Amino acid sequence: FENVRDASVVFGEIECAAREAIIENGGSVSHHHGIGKLRSAFMPHVNSDVTRGFFREMSRGVDPQGIFAARNGSFSEPVTDESR
């Protein structure tokens, strides 16, 4: 990435565009490493509010200090531009 200015930002923009196209065509948000922070913003498109609330409450029950999967995927609020 030596010749790519702001490679992290460029990657995020490409990832976002790709995920939007994938979801619009019936694809999945999943990844072999899980949803993660980058894809968490897409969770409202694939899971209902009730499902996401259940995931968060379940996570708080087994991990009240938020040590595991901190702010990741289904167990968190979506990452926004303001929270990055």
N, C-alpha and C. Protein backbone atom coordinates (compact mmCIF):
# COMPACT_ATOMS: atom_id res chain seq x y z
N PHE A 1 0.80 -1.19 0.00
CA PHE A 1 0.00 0.00 0.00
C PHE A 1 0.85 1.27 0.00
N GLU A 2 2.05 1.14 -0.42
CA GLU A 2 2.96 2.28 -0.40
C GLU A 2 2.46 3.43 -1.27
N ASN A 3 1.82 3.13 -2.36
CA ASN A 3 1.40 4.17 -3.28
C ASN A 3 -0.08 4.54 -3.14
N VAL A 4 -0.71 4.03 -2.09
CA VAL A 4 -2.13 4.32 -1.87
C VAL A 4 -2.25 5.29 -0.70
N ARG A 5 -2.71 6.46 -0.98
CA ARG A 5 -2.90 7.46 0.06
C ARG A 5 -4.10 7.07 0.92
N ASP A 6 -3.95 7.10 2.24
CA ASP A 6 -5.03 6.74 3.18
C ASP A 6 -5.60 5.37 2.86
N ALA A 7 -4.75 4.37 2.81
CA ALA A 7 -5.15 3.02 2.42
C ALA A 7 -6.30 2.48 3.26
N SER A 8 -6.33 2.77 4.54
CA SER A 8 -7.42 2.29 5.40
C SER A 8 -8.75 2.89 4.97
N VAL A 9 -8.75 4.15 4.64
CA VAL A 9 -9.97 4.82 4.20
C VAL A 9 -10.42 4.26 2.86
N VAL A 10 -9.49 4.08 1.95
CA VAL A 10 -9.81 3.53 0.63
C VAL A 10 -10.38 2.12 0.78
N PHE A 11 -9.76 1.30 1.63
CA PHE A 11 -10.27 -0.05 1.86
C PHE A 11 -11.70 0.01 2.41
N GLY A 12 -11.94 0.88 3.39
CA GLY A 12 -13.28 1.00 3.96
C GLY A 12 -14.32 1.40 2.93
N GLU A 13 -13.97 2.31 2.05
CA GLU A 13 -14.90 2.74 1.00
C GLU A 13 -15.20 1.61 0.02
N ILE A 14 -14.18 0.87 -0.35
CA ILE A 14 -14.37 -0.28 -1.26
C ILE A 14 -15.21 -1.34 -0.58
N GLU A 15 -14.89 -1.65 0.67
CA GLU A 15 -15.64 -2.66 1.43
C GLU A 15 -17.11 -2.26 1.54
N CYS A 16 -17.36 -1.00 1.85
CA CYS A 16 -18.73 -0.52 1.99
C CYS A 16 -19.50 -0.66 0.68
N ALA A 17 -18.92 -0.24 -0.41
CA ALA A 17 -19.58 -0.34 -1.72
C ALA A 17 -19.85 -1.80 -2.08
N ALA A 18 -18.88 -2.65 -1.80
CA ALA A 18 -19.04 -4.08 -2.11
C ALA A 18 -20.15 -4.69 -1.25
N ARG A 19 -20.15 -4.41 0.04
CA ARG A 19 -21.19 -4.97 0.93
C ARG A 19 -22.57 -4.49 0.53
N GLU A 20 -22.70 -3.22 0.17
CA GLU A 20 -24.01 -2.72 -0.27
C GLU A 20 -24.49 -3.49 -1.48
N ALA A 21 -23.62 -3.72 -2.45
CA ALA A 21 -24.00 -4.48 -3.64
C ALA A 21 -24.33 -5.92 -3.29
N ILE A 22 -23.57 -6.50 -2.41
CA ILE A 22 -23.81 -7.90 -1.99
C ILE A 22 -25.16 -8.03 -1.31
N ILE A 23 -25.47 -7.13 -0.35
CA ILE A 23 -26.74 -7.17 0.36
C ILE A 23 -27.90 -6.93 -0.60
N GLU A 24 -27.77 -5.96 -1.48
CA GLU A 24 -28.84 -5.66 -2.45
C GLU A 24 -29.16 -6.86 -3.33
N ASN A 25 -28.19 -7.75 -3.51
CA ASN A 25 -28.39 -8.93 -4.36
C ASN A 25 -28.60 -10.20 -3.56
N GLY A 26 -28.97 -10.06 -2.27
CA GLY A 26 -29.33 -11.20 -1.44
C GLY A 26 -28.15 -11.90 -0.79
N GLY A 27 -26.99 -11.30 -0.81
CA GLY A 27 -25.80 -11.92 -0.21
C GLY A 27 -25.72 -11.72 1.28
N SER A 28 -24.63 -12.14 1.86
CA SER A 28 -24.41 -12.16 3.30
C SER A 28 -23.39 -11.12 3.73
N VAL A 29 -23.47 -10.73 4.99
CA VAL A 29 -22.50 -9.81 5.57
C VAL A 29 -21.38 -10.59 6.25
N SER A 30 -21.57 -11.87 6.43
CA SER A 30 -20.62 -12.67 7.21
C SER A 30 -19.25 -12.73 6.55
N HIS A 31 -18.28 -13.07 7.38
CA HIS A 31 -16.89 -13.15 6.96
C HIS A 31 -16.24 -14.22 7.82
N HIS A 32 -15.19 -14.84 7.36
CA HIS A 32 -14.60 -15.93 8.13
C HIS A 32 -14.01 -15.48 9.46
N HIS A 33 -13.84 -14.19 9.66
CA HIS A 33 -13.40 -13.66 10.96
C HIS A 33 -14.56 -13.02 11.70
N GLY A 34 -15.78 -13.18 11.23
CA GLY A 34 -16.93 -12.57 11.86
C GLY A 34 -17.31 -11.26 11.20
N ILE A 35 -18.22 -10.55 11.82
CA ILE A 35 -18.74 -9.30 11.26
C ILE A 35 -17.75 -8.17 11.47
N GLY A 36 -17.25 -8.02 12.67
CA GLY A 36 -16.27 -6.99 12.97
C GLY A 36 -16.83 -5.58 12.98
N LYS A 37 -15.98 -4.64 13.28
CA LYS A 37 -16.39 -3.24 13.35
C LYS A 37 -16.74 -2.67 11.98
N LEU A 38 -15.97 -3.03 10.98
CA LEU A 38 -16.17 -2.48 9.65
C LEU A 38 -17.54 -2.83 9.08
N ARG A 39 -18.02 -4.04 9.34
CA ARG A 39 -19.28 -4.50 8.77
C ARG A 39 -20.47 -4.30 9.70
N SER A 40 -20.24 -3.85 10.94
CA SER A 40 -21.33 -3.72 11.90
C SER A 40 -22.41 -2.76 11.42
N ALA A 41 -22.05 -1.76 10.63
CA ALA A 41 -23.05 -0.81 10.13
C ALA A 41 -24.08 -1.47 9.23
N PHE A 42 -23.76 -2.66 8.71
CA PHE A 42 -24.69 -3.35 7.81
C PHE A 42 -25.68 -4.26 8.56
N MET A 43 -25.47 -4.45 9.86
CA MET A 43 -26.33 -5.36 10.61
C MET A 43 -27.80 -4.96 10.59
N PRO A 44 -28.15 -3.67 10.64
CA PRO A 44 -29.58 -3.32 10.55
C PRO A 44 -30.23 -3.75 9.23
N HIS A 45 -29.43 -4.00 8.21
CA HIS A 45 -29.97 -4.44 6.92
C HIS A 45 -30.23 -5.94 6.88
N VAL A 46 -29.64 -6.68 7.81
CA VAL A 46 -29.79 -8.14 7.76
C VAL A 46 -30.41 -8.74 9.02
N ASN A 47 -30.48 -7.98 10.12
CA ASN A 47 -31.09 -8.46 11.36
C ASN A 47 -32.08 -7.41 11.87
N SER A 48 -33.17 -7.88 12.43
CA SER A 48 -34.18 -6.97 12.97
C SER A 48 -33.66 -6.29 14.24
N ASP A 49 -34.35 -5.24 14.66
CA ASP A 49 -34.01 -4.56 15.91
C ASP A 49 -34.08 -5.54 17.08
N VAL A 50 -35.09 -6.40 17.08
CA VAL A 50 -35.26 -7.38 18.16
C VAL A 50 -34.08 -8.35 18.19
N THR A 51 -33.68 -8.83 17.03
CA THR A 51 -32.55 -9.76 16.96
C THR A 51 -31.27 -9.10 17.43
N ARG A 52 -31.01 -7.89 16.98
CA ARG A 52 -29.79 -7.19 17.41
C ARG A 52 -29.82 -6.90 18.91
N GLY A 53 -31.00 -6.55 19.43
CA GLY A 53 -31.14 -6.32 20.87
C GLY A 53 -30.87 -7.59 21.66
N PHE A 54 -31.37 -8.71 21.15
CA PHE A 54 -31.12 -10.00 21.80
C PHE A 54 -29.62 -10.30 21.83
N PHE A 55 -28.95 -10.11 20.71
CA PHE A 55 -27.50 -10.35 20.65
C PHE A 55 -26.76 -9.49 21.67
N ARG A 56 -27.13 -8.21 21.76
CA ARG A 56 -26.45 -7.32 22.70
C ARG A 56 -26.69 -7.75 24.14
N GLU A 57 -27.95 -8.08 24.47
CA GLU A 57 -28.26 -8.51 25.84
C GLU A 57 -27.59 -9.83 26.19
N MET A 58 -27.55 -10.75 25.23
CA MET A 58 -26.87 -12.02 25.45
C MET A 58 -25.39 -11.78 25.72
N SER A 59 -24.80 -10.90 24.93
CA SER A 59 -23.39 -10.58 25.10
C SER A 59 -23.14 -9.96 26.47
N ARG A 60 -24.01 -9.03 26.89
CA ARG A 60 -23.85 -8.42 28.22
C ARG A 60 -23.97 -9.46 29.32
N GLY A 61 -24.82 -10.46 29.10
CA GLY A 61 -25.01 -11.51 30.11
C GLY A 61 -23.78 -12.39 30.29
N VAL A 62 -23.13 -12.74 29.22
CA VAL A 62 -21.97 -13.63 29.31
C VAL A 62 -20.65 -12.87 29.40
N ASP A 63 -20.67 -11.58 29.05
CA ASP A 63 -19.45 -10.78 29.03
C ASP A 63 -19.78 -9.35 29.47
N PRO A 64 -20.18 -9.18 30.75
CA PRO A 64 -20.65 -7.87 31.20
C PRO A 64 -19.61 -6.75 31.10
N GLN A 65 -18.34 -7.09 31.09
CA GLN A 65 -17.30 -6.06 30.99
C GLN A 65 -16.90 -5.77 29.54
N GLY A 66 -17.49 -6.50 28.59
CA GLY A 66 -17.22 -6.25 27.18
C GLY A 66 -15.80 -6.57 26.75
N ILE A 67 -15.24 -7.62 27.33
CA ILE A 67 -13.86 -7.99 27.02
C ILE A 67 -13.75 -8.73 25.69
N PHE A 68 -14.69 -9.64 25.44
CA PHE A 68 -14.66 -10.44 24.22
C PHE A 68 -15.43 -9.74 23.11
N ALA A 69 -14.89 -9.73 21.92
CA ALA A 69 -15.55 -9.12 20.75
C ALA A 69 -16.00 -7.70 21.04
N ALA A 70 -15.16 -6.94 21.71
CA ALA A 70 -15.52 -5.58 22.10
C ALA A 70 -15.94 -4.74 20.90
N ARG A 71 -17.17 -4.24 20.95
CA ARG A 71 -17.74 -3.39 19.89
C ARG A 71 -17.69 -4.04 18.51
N ASN A 72 -17.89 -5.33 18.44
CA ASN A 72 -17.84 -6.02 17.15
C ASN A 72 -19.19 -6.55 16.73
N GLY A 73 -19.48 -6.41 15.48
CA GLY A 73 -20.59 -7.05 14.79
C GLY A 73 -21.94 -7.02 15.48
N SER A 74 -22.56 -8.17 15.59
CA SER A 74 -23.92 -8.29 16.12
C SER A 74 -24.01 -7.89 17.58
N PHE A 75 -22.89 -7.84 18.27
CA PHE A 75 -22.91 -7.58 19.69
C PHE A 75 -22.73 -6.11 20.04
N SER A 76 -22.80 -5.26 19.07
CA SER A 76 -22.55 -3.85 19.33
C SER A 76 -23.50 -2.97 18.53
N GLU A 77 -23.44 -1.71 18.86
CA GLU A 77 -24.14 -0.72 18.04
C GLU A 77 -23.30 -0.55 16.78
N PRO A 78 -23.92 -0.25 15.65
CA PRO A 78 -23.14 -0.06 14.42
C PRO A 78 -22.13 1.07 14.56
N VAL A 79 -20.99 0.88 13.94
CA VAL A 79 -19.96 1.91 13.89
C VAL A 79 -20.41 2.96 12.88
N THR A 80 -20.31 4.20 13.27
CA THR A 80 -20.67 5.29 12.36
C THR A 80 -19.44 6.12 12.09
N ASP A 81 -19.54 7.02 11.16
CA ASP A 81 -18.40 7.92 10.87
C ASP A 81 -17.99 8.69 12.11
N GLU A 82 -18.99 9.07 12.95
CA GLU A 82 -18.70 9.84 14.15
C GLU A 82 -17.98 9.03 15.21
N SER A 83 -18.20 7.69 15.24
CA SER A 83 -17.60 6.88 16.30
C SER A 83 -16.28 6.26 15.90
N ARG A 84 -15.80 6.50 14.68
CA ARG A 84 -14.54 5.92 14.25
C ARG A 84 -13.37 6.68 14.80
